[in-house]
N, C-alpha and C. Protein backbone atom coordinates (compact mmCIF):
# COMPACT_ATOMS: atom_id res chain seq x y z
N UNK A 1 -88.58 -3.48 -8.50
CA UNK A 1 -87.22 -3.66 -8.01
C UNK A 1 -86.27 -3.79 -9.20
N UNK A 2 -85.12 -3.16 -9.06
CA UNK A 2 -84.16 -3.18 -10.15
C UNK A 2 -82.76 -3.44 -9.61
N UNK A 3 -82.10 -4.43 -10.19
CA UNK A 3 -80.70 -4.71 -9.87
C UNK A 3 -79.94 -4.83 -11.18
N UNK A 4 -78.85 -4.11 -11.27
CA UNK A 4 -77.98 -4.19 -12.43
C UNK A 4 -76.58 -4.53 -11.93
N UNK A 5 -75.97 -5.55 -12.51
CA UNK A 5 -74.62 -5.95 -12.14
C UNK A 5 -73.73 -5.81 -13.37
N UNK A 6 -72.62 -5.10 -13.20
CA UNK A 6 -71.66 -4.91 -14.28
C UNK A 6 -70.47 -5.84 -14.07
N UNK A 7 -70.13 -6.57 -15.14
CA UNK A 7 -68.97 -7.46 -15.10
C UNK A 7 -68.06 -7.14 -16.27
N UNK A 8 -66.86 -7.67 -16.22
CA UNK A 8 -65.88 -7.48 -17.28
C UNK A 8 -64.50 -7.49 -16.67
N UNK A 9 -63.51 -7.44 -17.54
CA UNK A 9 -62.13 -7.51 -17.10
C UNK A 9 -61.75 -6.26 -16.32
N UNK A 10 -60.73 -6.36 -15.47
CA UNK A 10 -60.28 -5.18 -14.74
C UNK A 10 -59.85 -4.11 -15.74
N UNK A 11 -60.23 -2.88 -15.44
CA UNK A 11 -59.90 -1.78 -16.33
C UNK A 11 -60.95 -1.51 -17.39
N UNK A 12 -62.04 -2.27 -17.41
CA UNK A 12 -63.09 -2.07 -18.42
C UNK A 12 -63.96 -0.85 -18.12
N UNK A 13 -63.89 -0.35 -16.90
CA UNK A 13 -64.69 0.82 -16.54
C UNK A 13 -65.94 0.49 -15.76
N UNK A 14 -65.96 -0.65 -15.10
CA UNK A 14 -67.16 -1.07 -14.36
C UNK A 14 -67.54 -0.07 -13.27
N UNK A 15 -66.55 0.41 -12.53
CA UNK A 15 -66.83 1.38 -11.46
C UNK A 15 -67.25 2.72 -12.04
N UNK A 16 -66.54 3.18 -13.05
CA UNK A 16 -66.85 4.48 -13.67
C UNK A 16 -68.27 4.47 -14.25
N UNK A 17 -68.59 3.46 -15.04
CA UNK A 17 -69.91 3.36 -15.64
C UNK A 17 -70.96 3.08 -14.57
N UNK A 18 -70.62 2.24 -13.61
CA UNK A 18 -71.56 1.92 -12.53
C UNK A 18 -72.00 3.14 -11.76
N UNK A 19 -71.04 3.99 -11.40
CA UNK A 19 -71.37 5.23 -10.67
C UNK A 19 -72.28 6.13 -11.52
N UNK A 20 -71.92 6.31 -12.79
CA UNK A 20 -72.70 7.18 -13.68
C UNK A 20 -74.10 6.60 -13.91
N UNK A 21 -74.19 5.29 -14.10
CA UNK A 21 -75.47 4.62 -14.31
C UNK A 21 -76.36 4.78 -13.08
N UNK A 22 -75.78 4.55 -11.91
CA UNK A 22 -76.54 4.70 -10.66
C UNK A 22 -77.04 6.13 -10.50
N UNK A 23 -76.20 7.10 -10.84
CA UNK A 23 -76.61 8.51 -10.75
C UNK A 23 -77.79 8.78 -11.66
N UNK A 24 -77.72 8.29 -12.91
CA UNK A 24 -78.81 8.49 -13.87
C UNK A 24 -80.11 7.85 -13.38
N UNK A 25 -80.01 6.72 -12.73
CA UNK A 25 -81.20 5.99 -12.28
C UNK A 25 -81.65 6.39 -10.88
N UNK A 26 -80.83 7.16 -10.18
CA UNK A 26 -81.16 7.53 -8.82
C UNK A 26 -81.09 6.35 -7.86
N UNK A 27 -80.16 5.43 -8.12
CA UNK A 27 -80.00 4.23 -7.30
C UNK A 27 -78.65 4.25 -6.59
N UNK A 28 -78.55 3.53 -5.47
CA UNK A 28 -77.24 3.41 -4.82
C UNK A 28 -76.29 2.56 -5.69
N UNK A 29 -75.01 2.84 -5.56
CA UNK A 29 -73.98 2.11 -6.28
C UNK A 29 -73.08 1.38 -5.29
N UNK A 30 -72.79 0.12 -5.59
CA UNK A 30 -71.86 -0.67 -4.78
C UNK A 30 -70.79 -1.26 -5.69
N UNK A 31 -69.56 -1.02 -5.35
CA UNK A 31 -68.43 -1.70 -5.98
C UNK A 31 -68.11 -2.87 -5.06
N UNK A 32 -68.16 -4.09 -5.58
CA UNK A 32 -67.99 -5.27 -4.73
C UNK A 32 -66.66 -5.26 -4.00
N UNK A 33 -65.58 -4.84 -4.67
CA UNK A 33 -64.28 -4.79 -4.00
C UNK A 33 -64.31 -3.81 -2.83
N UNK A 34 -64.90 -2.63 -3.02
CA UNK A 34 -65.00 -1.65 -1.94
C UNK A 34 -65.85 -2.20 -0.80
N UNK A 35 -66.92 -2.89 -1.17
CA UNK A 35 -67.80 -3.49 -0.17
C UNK A 35 -67.01 -4.50 0.68
N UNK A 36 -66.22 -5.34 0.01
CA UNK A 36 -65.40 -6.33 0.72
C UNK A 36 -64.42 -5.62 1.64
N UNK A 37 -63.75 -4.59 1.13
CA UNK A 37 -62.77 -3.86 1.94
C UNK A 37 -63.42 -3.23 3.18
N UNK A 38 -64.61 -2.69 2.99
CA UNK A 38 -65.33 -2.06 4.10
C UNK A 38 -65.74 -3.09 5.14
N UNK A 39 -66.29 -4.20 4.67
CA UNK A 39 -66.77 -5.24 5.59
C UNK A 39 -65.61 -5.94 6.31
N UNK A 40 -64.51 -6.16 5.60
CA UNK A 40 -63.37 -6.87 6.17
C UNK A 40 -62.37 -5.94 6.86
N UNK A 41 -62.52 -4.64 6.62
CA UNK A 41 -61.61 -3.62 7.17
C UNK A 41 -60.16 -3.87 6.77
N UNK A 42 -60.00 -4.31 5.52
CA UNK A 42 -58.68 -4.55 4.94
C UNK A 42 -58.77 -4.27 3.45
N UNK A 43 -57.65 -3.94 2.85
CA UNK A 43 -57.64 -3.72 1.40
C UNK A 43 -57.62 -5.08 0.69
N UNK A 44 -58.00 -5.06 -0.58
CA UNK A 44 -57.95 -6.29 -1.37
C UNK A 44 -56.52 -6.85 -1.40
N UNK A 45 -55.49 -6.01 -1.65
CA UNK A 45 -54.12 -6.55 -1.60
C UNK A 45 -53.77 -7.19 -0.25
N UNK A 46 -54.24 -6.60 0.87
CA UNK A 46 -53.98 -7.20 2.18
C UNK A 46 -54.67 -8.57 2.30
N UNK A 47 -55.91 -8.64 1.84
CA UNK A 47 -56.64 -9.91 1.90
C UNK A 47 -55.93 -10.96 1.05
N UNK A 48 -55.53 -10.57 -0.17
CA UNK A 48 -54.80 -11.50 -1.05
C UNK A 48 -53.54 -12.01 -0.37
N UNK A 49 -52.78 -11.11 0.26
CA UNK A 49 -51.51 -11.53 0.87
C UNK A 49 -51.74 -12.42 2.08
N UNK A 50 -52.86 -12.22 2.79
CA UNK A 50 -53.14 -13.02 3.98
C UNK A 50 -53.74 -14.39 3.67
N UNK A 51 -54.66 -14.45 2.70
CA UNK A 51 -55.39 -15.71 2.47
C UNK A 51 -55.20 -16.27 1.06
N UNK A 52 -54.44 -15.57 0.21
CA UNK A 52 -54.22 -16.03 -1.15
C UNK A 52 -55.46 -15.82 -2.02
N UNK A 53 -55.32 -16.15 -3.30
CA UNK A 53 -56.44 -15.94 -4.22
C UNK A 53 -57.63 -16.83 -3.87
N UNK A 54 -57.38 -18.10 -3.51
CA UNK A 54 -58.50 -18.99 -3.18
C UNK A 54 -59.32 -18.47 -2.00
N UNK A 55 -58.62 -18.02 -0.96
CA UNK A 55 -59.31 -17.46 0.20
C UNK A 55 -60.08 -16.21 -0.16
N UNK A 56 -59.46 -15.36 -0.98
CA UNK A 56 -60.14 -14.15 -1.41
C UNK A 56 -61.40 -14.48 -2.19
N UNK A 57 -61.33 -15.46 -3.09
CA UNK A 57 -62.49 -15.82 -3.92
C UNK A 57 -63.65 -16.33 -3.07
N UNK A 58 -63.36 -17.00 -1.98
CA UNK A 58 -64.43 -17.45 -1.08
C UNK A 58 -65.10 -16.26 -0.40
N UNK A 59 -64.28 -15.32 0.07
CA UNK A 59 -64.82 -14.10 0.68
C UNK A 59 -65.66 -13.35 -0.34
N UNK A 60 -65.11 -13.20 -1.54
CA UNK A 60 -65.81 -12.48 -2.62
C UNK A 60 -67.16 -13.12 -2.93
N UNK A 61 -67.19 -14.44 -3.00
CA UNK A 61 -68.42 -15.19 -3.26
C UNK A 61 -69.47 -14.88 -2.19
N UNK A 62 -69.07 -14.93 -0.93
CA UNK A 62 -70.01 -14.66 0.17
C UNK A 62 -70.51 -13.22 0.14
N UNK A 63 -69.61 -12.28 -0.13
CA UNK A 63 -70.01 -10.86 -0.16
C UNK A 63 -70.90 -10.58 -1.38
N UNK A 64 -70.66 -11.27 -2.49
CA UNK A 64 -71.54 -11.14 -3.67
C UNK A 64 -72.95 -11.54 -3.30
N UNK A 65 -73.09 -12.64 -2.59
CA UNK A 65 -74.41 -13.11 -2.19
C UNK A 65 -75.10 -12.13 -1.24
N UNK A 66 -74.30 -11.40 -0.48
CA UNK A 66 -74.86 -10.38 0.41
C UNK A 66 -75.37 -9.17 -0.39
N UNK A 67 -74.49 -8.60 -1.20
CA UNK A 67 -74.81 -7.35 -1.88
C UNK A 67 -75.85 -7.56 -3.00
N UNK A 68 -75.88 -8.73 -3.60
CA UNK A 68 -76.83 -9.00 -4.68
C UNK A 68 -78.24 -9.22 -4.17
N UNK A 69 -78.42 -9.22 -2.87
CA UNK A 69 -79.77 -9.28 -2.28
C UNK A 69 -80.36 -7.89 -2.09
N UNK A 70 -79.52 -6.85 -2.17
CA UNK A 70 -80.02 -5.49 -2.01
C UNK A 70 -80.97 -5.17 -3.15
N UNK A 71 -81.96 -4.34 -2.87
CA UNK A 71 -82.93 -3.98 -3.90
C UNK A 71 -82.59 -2.62 -4.49
N UNK A 72 -82.91 -2.46 -5.77
CA UNK A 72 -82.72 -1.20 -6.47
C UNK A 72 -81.29 -0.69 -6.32
N UNK A 73 -80.35 -1.42 -6.92
CA UNK A 73 -78.93 -1.08 -6.85
C UNK A 73 -78.24 -1.31 -8.19
N UNK A 74 -77.10 -0.66 -8.33
CA UNK A 74 -76.15 -0.94 -9.40
C UNK A 74 -74.89 -1.44 -8.72
N UNK A 75 -74.38 -2.58 -9.18
CA UNK A 75 -73.22 -3.22 -8.56
C UNK A 75 -72.15 -3.45 -9.63
N UNK A 76 -70.91 -3.12 -9.31
CA UNK A 76 -69.81 -3.52 -10.19
C UNK A 76 -69.01 -4.60 -9.46
N UNK A 77 -68.60 -5.60 -10.21
CA UNK A 77 -67.86 -6.72 -9.63
C UNK A 77 -66.41 -6.70 -10.09
N UNK A 78 -65.56 -7.35 -9.32
CA UNK A 78 -64.17 -7.52 -9.73
C UNK A 78 -64.11 -8.36 -11.00
N UNK A 79 -63.02 -8.23 -11.73
CA UNK A 79 -62.88 -8.93 -13.01
C UNK A 79 -63.01 -10.44 -12.91
N UNK A 80 -62.59 -11.03 -11.79
CA UNK A 80 -62.66 -12.48 -11.65
C UNK A 80 -63.94 -13.00 -11.04
N UNK A 81 -64.75 -12.11 -10.50
CA UNK A 81 -65.95 -12.55 -9.76
C UNK A 81 -66.82 -13.54 -10.53
N UNK A 82 -67.14 -13.29 -11.81
CA UNK A 82 -68.04 -14.22 -12.51
C UNK A 82 -67.43 -15.60 -12.77
N UNK A 83 -66.12 -15.73 -12.61
CA UNK A 83 -65.40 -16.92 -13.05
C UNK A 83 -65.23 -17.99 -11.97
N UNK A 84 -65.75 -17.76 -10.79
CA UNK A 84 -65.55 -18.70 -9.70
C UNK A 84 -66.89 -19.15 -9.14
N UNK A 85 -66.87 -20.37 -8.61
CA UNK A 85 -68.07 -20.98 -8.02
C UNK A 85 -69.22 -20.90 -9.04
N UNK A 86 -70.42 -20.61 -8.57
CA UNK A 86 -71.58 -20.46 -9.45
C UNK A 86 -71.92 -18.99 -9.63
N UNK A 87 -70.93 -18.12 -9.45
CA UNK A 87 -71.20 -16.68 -9.37
C UNK A 87 -71.96 -16.12 -10.57
N UNK A 88 -71.55 -16.48 -11.80
CA UNK A 88 -72.22 -15.88 -12.97
C UNK A 88 -73.68 -16.35 -13.05
N UNK A 89 -73.94 -17.60 -12.74
CA UNK A 89 -75.32 -18.10 -12.77
C UNK A 89 -76.16 -17.40 -11.69
N UNK A 90 -75.59 -17.24 -10.52
CA UNK A 90 -76.27 -16.54 -9.43
C UNK A 90 -76.57 -15.10 -9.83
N UNK A 91 -75.59 -14.41 -10.40
CA UNK A 91 -75.79 -13.02 -10.82
C UNK A 91 -76.93 -12.93 -11.83
N UNK A 92 -76.94 -13.84 -12.79
CA UNK A 92 -78.00 -13.82 -13.81
C UNK A 92 -79.39 -14.05 -13.22
N UNK A 93 -79.46 -14.83 -12.14
CA UNK A 93 -80.75 -15.04 -11.46
C UNK A 93 -81.19 -13.80 -10.69
N UNK A 94 -80.23 -13.04 -10.20
CA UNK A 94 -80.53 -11.92 -9.31
C UNK A 94 -80.73 -10.58 -10.02
N UNK A 95 -80.16 -10.42 -11.23
CA UNK A 95 -80.06 -9.07 -11.79
C UNK A 95 -79.97 -9.08 -13.31
N UNK A 96 -80.02 -7.87 -13.87
CA UNK A 96 -79.66 -7.66 -15.26
C UNK A 96 -78.14 -7.56 -15.27
N UNK A 97 -77.47 -8.53 -15.88
CA UNK A 97 -76.01 -8.57 -15.88
C UNK A 97 -75.50 -8.04 -17.21
N UNK A 98 -74.58 -7.08 -17.13
CA UNK A 98 -74.02 -6.43 -18.31
C UNK A 98 -72.52 -6.70 -18.35
N UNK A 99 -72.07 -7.27 -19.46
CA UNK A 99 -70.64 -7.50 -19.70
C UNK A 99 -70.09 -6.29 -20.43
N UNK A 100 -69.20 -5.54 -19.77
CA UNK A 100 -68.53 -4.40 -20.39
C UNK A 100 -67.28 -4.94 -21.09
N UNK A 101 -67.34 -4.96 -22.40
CA UNK A 101 -66.34 -5.63 -23.22
C UNK A 101 -65.37 -4.63 -23.83
N UNK A 102 -64.08 -4.95 -23.78
CA UNK A 102 -63.05 -4.11 -24.39
C UNK A 102 -61.93 -5.01 -24.91
N UNK A 103 -61.17 -4.49 -25.83
CA UNK A 103 -60.05 -5.25 -26.40
C UNK A 103 -58.90 -5.30 -25.38
N UNK A 104 -58.01 -6.28 -25.51
CA UNK A 104 -56.85 -6.33 -24.61
C UNK A 104 -56.02 -5.03 -24.65
N UNK A 105 -55.88 -4.42 -25.81
CA UNK A 105 -55.10 -3.18 -25.91
C UNK A 105 -55.76 -2.04 -25.12
N UNK A 106 -57.08 -1.90 -25.24
CA UNK A 106 -57.80 -0.86 -24.49
C UNK A 106 -57.68 -1.13 -22.99
N UNK A 107 -57.85 -2.37 -22.58
CA UNK A 107 -57.73 -2.72 -21.17
C UNK A 107 -56.33 -2.40 -20.65
N UNK A 108 -55.32 -2.73 -21.45
CA UNK A 108 -53.94 -2.43 -21.08
C UNK A 108 -53.76 -0.93 -20.85
N UNK A 109 -54.27 -0.12 -21.77
CA UNK A 109 -54.14 1.34 -21.66
C UNK A 109 -54.85 1.86 -20.40
N UNK A 110 -56.02 1.32 -20.10
CA UNK A 110 -56.74 1.74 -18.89
C UNK A 110 -55.98 1.33 -17.63
N UNK A 111 -55.44 0.11 -17.63
CA UNK A 111 -54.75 -0.40 -16.44
C UNK A 111 -53.43 0.33 -16.19
N UNK A 112 -52.73 0.70 -17.25
CA UNK A 112 -51.47 1.42 -17.10
C UNK A 112 -51.72 2.79 -16.48
N UNK A 113 -52.86 3.42 -16.81
CA UNK A 113 -53.20 4.73 -16.26
C UNK A 113 -53.76 4.63 -14.84
N UNK A 114 -54.25 3.46 -14.47
CA UNK A 114 -54.91 3.27 -13.18
C UNK A 114 -53.95 3.48 -12.02
N UNK A 115 -54.47 4.08 -10.99
CA UNK A 115 -53.66 4.30 -9.78
C UNK A 115 -53.92 3.20 -8.73
N UNK A 116 -54.81 2.27 -9.03
CA UNK A 116 -55.13 1.21 -8.07
C UNK A 116 -54.03 0.15 -8.10
N UNK A 117 -53.78 -0.41 -6.94
CA UNK A 117 -52.86 -1.54 -6.87
C UNK A 117 -53.66 -2.80 -7.19
N UNK A 118 -53.19 -3.52 -8.17
CA UNK A 118 -53.89 -4.74 -8.59
C UNK A 118 -52.97 -5.94 -8.34
N UNK A 119 -53.32 -6.78 -7.37
CA UNK A 119 -52.43 -7.87 -6.98
C UNK A 119 -52.02 -8.79 -8.13
N UNK A 120 -52.93 -9.06 -9.06
CA UNK A 120 -52.61 -9.98 -10.15
C UNK A 120 -51.67 -9.38 -11.19
N UNK A 121 -51.48 -8.06 -11.17
CA UNK A 121 -50.64 -7.39 -12.18
C UNK A 121 -49.29 -6.94 -11.64
N UNK A 122 -49.12 -7.05 -10.36
CA UNK A 122 -47.93 -6.53 -9.69
C UNK A 122 -46.63 -7.07 -10.31
N UNK A 123 -45.70 -6.15 -10.62
CA UNK A 123 -44.37 -6.55 -11.07
C UNK A 123 -44.25 -6.98 -12.51
N UNK A 124 -45.28 -6.82 -13.33
CA UNK A 124 -45.22 -7.25 -14.72
C UNK A 124 -44.72 -6.11 -15.62
N UNK A 125 -43.88 -6.46 -16.59
CA UNK A 125 -43.41 -5.49 -17.59
C UNK A 125 -44.56 -5.21 -18.56
N UNK A 126 -44.46 -4.14 -19.39
CA UNK A 126 -45.54 -3.88 -20.37
C UNK A 126 -45.85 -5.08 -21.27
N UNK A 127 -44.81 -5.77 -21.77
CA UNK A 127 -45.05 -6.94 -22.64
C UNK A 127 -45.72 -8.07 -21.86
N UNK A 128 -45.24 -8.30 -20.64
CA UNK A 128 -45.85 -9.35 -19.81
C UNK A 128 -47.29 -9.00 -19.48
N UNK A 129 -47.55 -7.72 -19.27
CA UNK A 129 -48.90 -7.27 -18.92
C UNK A 129 -49.88 -7.49 -20.07
N UNK A 130 -49.51 -7.11 -21.28
CA UNK A 130 -50.42 -7.29 -22.43
C UNK A 130 -50.64 -8.78 -22.69
N UNK A 131 -49.61 -9.60 -22.53
CA UNK A 131 -49.75 -11.05 -22.70
C UNK A 131 -50.66 -11.62 -21.62
N UNK A 132 -50.47 -11.18 -20.38
CA UNK A 132 -51.31 -11.64 -19.27
C UNK A 132 -52.77 -11.28 -19.50
N UNK A 133 -53.02 -10.03 -19.88
CA UNK A 133 -54.40 -9.57 -20.12
C UNK A 133 -55.04 -10.40 -21.24
N UNK A 134 -54.32 -10.57 -22.34
CA UNK A 134 -54.85 -11.31 -23.49
C UNK A 134 -55.19 -12.74 -23.11
N UNK A 135 -54.27 -13.40 -22.40
CA UNK A 135 -54.47 -14.79 -22.00
C UNK A 135 -55.61 -14.92 -21.00
N UNK A 136 -55.61 -14.06 -19.98
CA UNK A 136 -56.64 -14.17 -18.94
C UNK A 136 -58.02 -13.79 -19.48
N UNK A 137 -58.07 -12.79 -20.36
CA UNK A 137 -59.35 -12.39 -20.96
C UNK A 137 -59.93 -13.55 -21.77
N UNK A 138 -59.09 -14.22 -22.53
CA UNK A 138 -59.55 -15.38 -23.32
C UNK A 138 -60.08 -16.47 -22.40
N UNK A 139 -59.41 -16.71 -21.27
CA UNK A 139 -59.85 -17.75 -20.33
C UNK A 139 -61.17 -17.38 -19.65
N UNK A 140 -61.41 -16.09 -19.46
CA UNK A 140 -62.61 -15.64 -18.75
C UNK A 140 -63.80 -15.39 -19.68
N UNK A 141 -63.56 -15.30 -20.96
CA UNK A 141 -64.60 -14.94 -21.92
C UNK A 141 -65.83 -15.84 -21.82
N UNK A 142 -65.63 -17.14 -21.59
CA UNK A 142 -66.78 -18.05 -21.52
C UNK A 142 -67.70 -17.70 -20.34
N UNK A 143 -67.14 -17.16 -19.28
CA UNK A 143 -67.96 -16.73 -18.13
C UNK A 143 -68.62 -15.38 -18.44
N UNK A 144 -67.81 -14.44 -18.92
CA UNK A 144 -68.34 -13.11 -19.23
C UNK A 144 -69.47 -13.18 -20.26
N UNK A 145 -69.30 -14.04 -21.23
CA UNK A 145 -70.29 -14.10 -22.32
C UNK A 145 -71.64 -14.65 -21.87
N UNK A 146 -71.73 -15.19 -20.65
CA UNK A 146 -73.01 -15.65 -20.12
C UNK A 146 -73.91 -14.50 -19.68
N UNK A 147 -73.35 -13.29 -19.60
CA UNK A 147 -74.16 -12.12 -19.23
C UNK A 147 -75.24 -11.92 -20.29
N UNK A 148 -76.39 -11.46 -19.85
CA UNK A 148 -77.50 -11.25 -20.78
C UNK A 148 -77.21 -10.12 -21.77
N UNK A 149 -76.50 -9.11 -21.31
CA UNK A 149 -76.19 -7.95 -22.15
C UNK A 149 -74.68 -7.84 -22.33
N UNK A 150 -74.28 -7.53 -23.56
CA UNK A 150 -72.87 -7.29 -23.86
C UNK A 150 -72.78 -5.87 -24.39
N UNK A 151 -71.80 -5.13 -23.88
CA UNK A 151 -71.71 -3.72 -24.26
C UNK A 151 -70.25 -3.35 -24.48
N UNK A 152 -69.92 -2.89 -25.68
CA UNK A 152 -68.55 -2.53 -26.04
C UNK A 152 -68.19 -1.18 -25.42
N UNK A 153 -67.13 -1.15 -24.63
CA UNK A 153 -66.70 0.09 -23.98
C UNK A 153 -65.32 0.53 -24.46
N UNK A 154 -64.91 0.05 -25.62
CA UNK A 154 -63.58 0.38 -26.13
C UNK A 154 -63.39 1.86 -26.43
N UNK A 155 -64.49 2.58 -26.68
CA UNK A 155 -64.36 3.99 -27.07
C UNK A 155 -64.52 4.95 -25.89
N UNK A 156 -64.57 4.44 -24.69
CA UNK A 156 -64.87 5.25 -23.52
C UNK A 156 -63.59 5.85 -22.93
N UNK A 157 -63.14 7.00 -23.49
CA UNK A 157 -61.89 7.57 -23.02
C UNK A 157 -62.00 9.00 -22.48
N UNK A 158 -63.22 9.50 -22.33
CA UNK A 158 -63.40 10.80 -21.67
C UNK A 158 -64.80 10.88 -21.07
N UNK A 159 -65.06 11.93 -20.30
CA UNK A 159 -66.32 12.03 -19.55
C UNK A 159 -67.54 12.08 -20.46
N UNK A 160 -67.45 12.80 -21.59
CA UNK A 160 -68.59 12.84 -22.52
C UNK A 160 -68.92 11.45 -23.04
N UNK A 161 -67.88 10.67 -23.34
CA UNK A 161 -68.11 9.32 -23.85
C UNK A 161 -68.66 8.40 -22.76
N UNK A 162 -68.28 8.64 -21.52
CA UNK A 162 -68.85 7.86 -20.40
C UNK A 162 -70.35 8.13 -20.34
N UNK A 163 -70.73 9.40 -20.40
CA UNK A 163 -72.16 9.74 -20.33
C UNK A 163 -72.92 9.18 -21.53
N UNK A 164 -72.34 9.26 -22.72
CA UNK A 164 -72.97 8.68 -23.92
C UNK A 164 -73.13 7.17 -23.75
N UNK A 165 -72.10 6.53 -23.23
CA UNK A 165 -72.14 5.08 -22.99
C UNK A 165 -73.26 4.72 -22.03
N UNK A 166 -73.40 5.48 -20.96
CA UNK A 166 -74.45 5.22 -19.97
C UNK A 166 -75.83 5.37 -20.60
N UNK A 167 -76.03 6.40 -21.40
CA UNK A 167 -77.32 6.62 -22.06
C UNK A 167 -77.63 5.47 -23.02
N UNK A 168 -76.63 5.04 -23.78
CA UNK A 168 -76.82 3.91 -24.71
C UNK A 168 -77.11 2.62 -23.94
N UNK A 169 -76.42 2.43 -22.83
CA UNK A 169 -76.65 1.24 -22.01
C UNK A 169 -78.06 1.24 -21.42
N UNK A 170 -78.51 2.39 -20.94
CA UNK A 170 -79.87 2.50 -20.42
C UNK A 170 -80.91 2.16 -21.49
N UNK A 171 -80.69 2.62 -22.70
CA UNK A 171 -81.60 2.29 -23.82
C UNK A 171 -81.65 0.79 -24.04
N UNK A 172 -80.47 0.17 -24.04
CA UNK A 172 -80.39 -1.27 -24.26
C UNK A 172 -81.13 -2.03 -23.17
N UNK A 173 -80.95 -1.62 -21.92
CA UNK A 173 -81.62 -2.29 -20.81
C UNK A 173 -83.13 -2.06 -20.83
N UNK A 174 -83.54 -0.88 -21.23
CA UNK A 174 -84.96 -0.53 -21.27
C UNK A 174 -85.70 -1.29 -22.38
N UNK A 175 -85.03 -1.50 -23.50
CA UNK A 175 -85.68 -2.09 -24.67
C UNK A 175 -85.67 -3.62 -24.67
N UNK A 176 -85.30 -4.22 -23.58
CA UNK A 176 -85.28 -5.69 -23.59
C UNK A 176 -86.24 -6.27 -22.58
């Protein structure tokens, strides 16, 4: 049985790498946010607006416990998932947890290009956004760093580099 969970800040490429990794391994891929949206039949922004961040984090915690019981899967989690309740400890018990690490500047560039609506970033200017990312990343680092594997994804800016990253990540997971 194999479970791999990808964590890191929003915009680190968890979904992109997760899909490619799952394809390479021939395993199903689950994005926790998509899973929540499917099960709740609402978007993450709708859930946030209805129950606030605290309510969303409780739903996220419960759905994490559901999806992390699946066998032979690759799962990507939302940026805040490891930082609430006992989520990071639970993930480490259930799976090989990989922290996809990037600098605040790289994350900013990925998020600015992203077409997804991100409730925590809504309405921020570029300067406010880089400050927010830097501050929040620093606050979350202690949770992210509990992952067994750390993998720098700062250079992942095209499809060839995504594939190279996945191959390097597979080597790292295989050799431990």
